[in-house]
Amino acid sequence: MIFPTSTIIYGNKVAMTIWSDTITTILIHDEKIAEAHQKHFDFMWEKAKEK
């Protein structure tokens, strides 16, 4: 499955990029949002390892 978006979490920042004819990146600098995205990633990573 290929998604036209990517998300990068680093420190207190989340960068979301939309890969289309016009590439758009949204940068969110917020500790709570970065923490929530990181927790979601960690949860999904652990679920994937169970298979």
Protein backbone atom coordinates (compact mmCIF):
# COMPACT_ATOMS: atom_id res chain seq x y z
CA MET A 1 0.00 0.00 0.00
CA ILE A 2 1.40 3.36 -1.02
CA PHE A 3 0.32 6.58 0.68
CA PRO A 4 0.75 10.04 -0.88
CA THR A 5 1.81 11.46 2.50
CA SER A 6 4.64 11.06 4.98
CA THR A 7 5.00 12.05 8.60
CA ILE A 8 8.24 12.73 10.43
CA ILE A 9 8.31 13.22 14.20
CA TYR A 10 11.39 14.85 15.72
CA GLY A 11 11.67 16.51 19.07
CA ASN A 12 8.65 18.75 19.61
CA LYS A 13 7.88 18.91 15.88
CA VAL A 14 5.77 16.95 13.43
CA ALA A 15 6.31 17.43 9.70
CA MET A 16 3.64 16.12 7.34
CA THR A 17 4.37 16.12 3.62
CA ILE A 18 1.85 15.63 0.85
CA TRP A 19 3.53 14.21 -2.25
CA SER A 20 1.52 15.47 -5.22
CA ASP A 21 2.16 17.68 -8.24
CA THR A 22 2.71 20.48 -5.74
CA ILE A 23 4.62 19.14 -2.73
CA THR A 24 3.29 20.61 0.51
CA THR A 25 4.82 20.27 3.96
CA ILE A 26 3.08 21.26 7.16
CA LEU A 27 5.32 21.76 10.20
CA ILE A 28 3.70 21.67 13.62
CA HIS A 29 5.87 22.74 16.54
CA ASP A 30 3.91 21.60 19.58
CA GLU A 31 5.05 19.27 22.35
CA LYS A 32 1.63 17.67 22.96
CA ILE A 33 0.95 17.01 19.27
CA ALA A 34 4.44 15.55 18.76
CA GLU A 35 3.97 13.36 21.84
CA ALA A 36 0.58 12.11 20.59
CA HIS A 37 1.99 11.27 17.15
CA GLN A 38 4.95 9.47 18.74
CA LYS A 39 2.67 7.42 21.01
CA HIS A 40 0.51 6.47 18.02
CA PHE A 41 3.60 5.42 16.06
CA ASP A 42 4.94 3.38 18.99
CA PHE A 43 1.57 1.64 19.43
CA MET A 44 1.35 0.75 15.73
CA TRP A 45 4.99 -0.40 15.71
CA GLU A 46 4.35 -2.80 18.61
CA LYS A 47 1.19 -4.14 16.92
CA ALA A 48 3.12 -4.77 13.71
CA LYS A 49 5.83 -6.68 15.59
CA GLU A 50 3.18 -9.03 17.03
CA LYS A 51 2.46 -10.50 13.59
